[in-house]
Amino acid sequence: MRNHDELTLDKLSAAERDEVFAAFGPEADMRLYGRGLRRRLPPMLGGDRRRIELAYSLLFTLPGTPVLFYGEEIGMGENLAADGRLAVRTPMQWAPGPTAGFSGADPARYPRPLTRGAFGPDRVNVRDQAHDPHSLLSRMRSFVQGYREAPELAWGRCEILDAGDPAVLAHLSSTGDGAILVLHNFAGRPVTATTAGVPDGRLTDILTGAAVERAADAPRVELPPYGYRWLRVGEP
């Protein structure tokens, strides 16, 4: 979701860059060098947990190696009061409170200022999320575990499929040993994905272990707004 401490847009055309700036960096102090964003993902998405999860589900299931930088696993934000790229180099938020559990020193002596407000340590920290099964940290752990259980995502051949709805990205990652069907709903409305071209076999949700019924011709999968599914084709 990041290019280290600057979300660079230099590979985009000027028109594409302007579109991204308008959506995720409308204020001048959110941008850097005219080509990038000095922001973290949760504030860019307005703290919308559904869209945050959707973005990281894409990161883990599309071709390539998923990389997380510190703080992403709990949904930390940036501090735009800091200079330049330092906006996203704020201290790790281990616990609530004025020191964020980062150090016993006076926060005024920290090498970087803490993030405050909706994404500050009182609202976003490891301690509160570590044992909460509904936290973003728990969801990230399930992504990591699911990714490890699905080597097809890393090593398989990726094929884009028609899901029957333009809001849904469907892709099949397959090797000689197995296949994974992944669905992502980019719409703020529920959709039914009807995906042709999926090999025969039972469907099992990798993240929950639940079985998914399928028709003879094509799987029909209900997706909530901004929903996603990782489905193993065949025996778990």
Foldseek 3Di string as FASTA:
>chain_A
DDPPLWRFQVVDDPVVQVVLCVQQPVDPLQADPSTTGRKDDCVSVVNPPLQLLLVVLCLLQAEDDRDDDAPSQFPAIFQSVDPDSLRPVAAAQAADDPVSPRDPDHQVPDPHHFDDDCRGNNNTHCVVQVPDCPGSNVVVVLSVVLSVVCCLSHPFDKDWWQFPDPQKTWIWRDDPVWIKIKIWGQAQAKDKTWTAPDDAAWKAFSSPRDTADQDPGTRIDIAGGRGMTIITGHDD
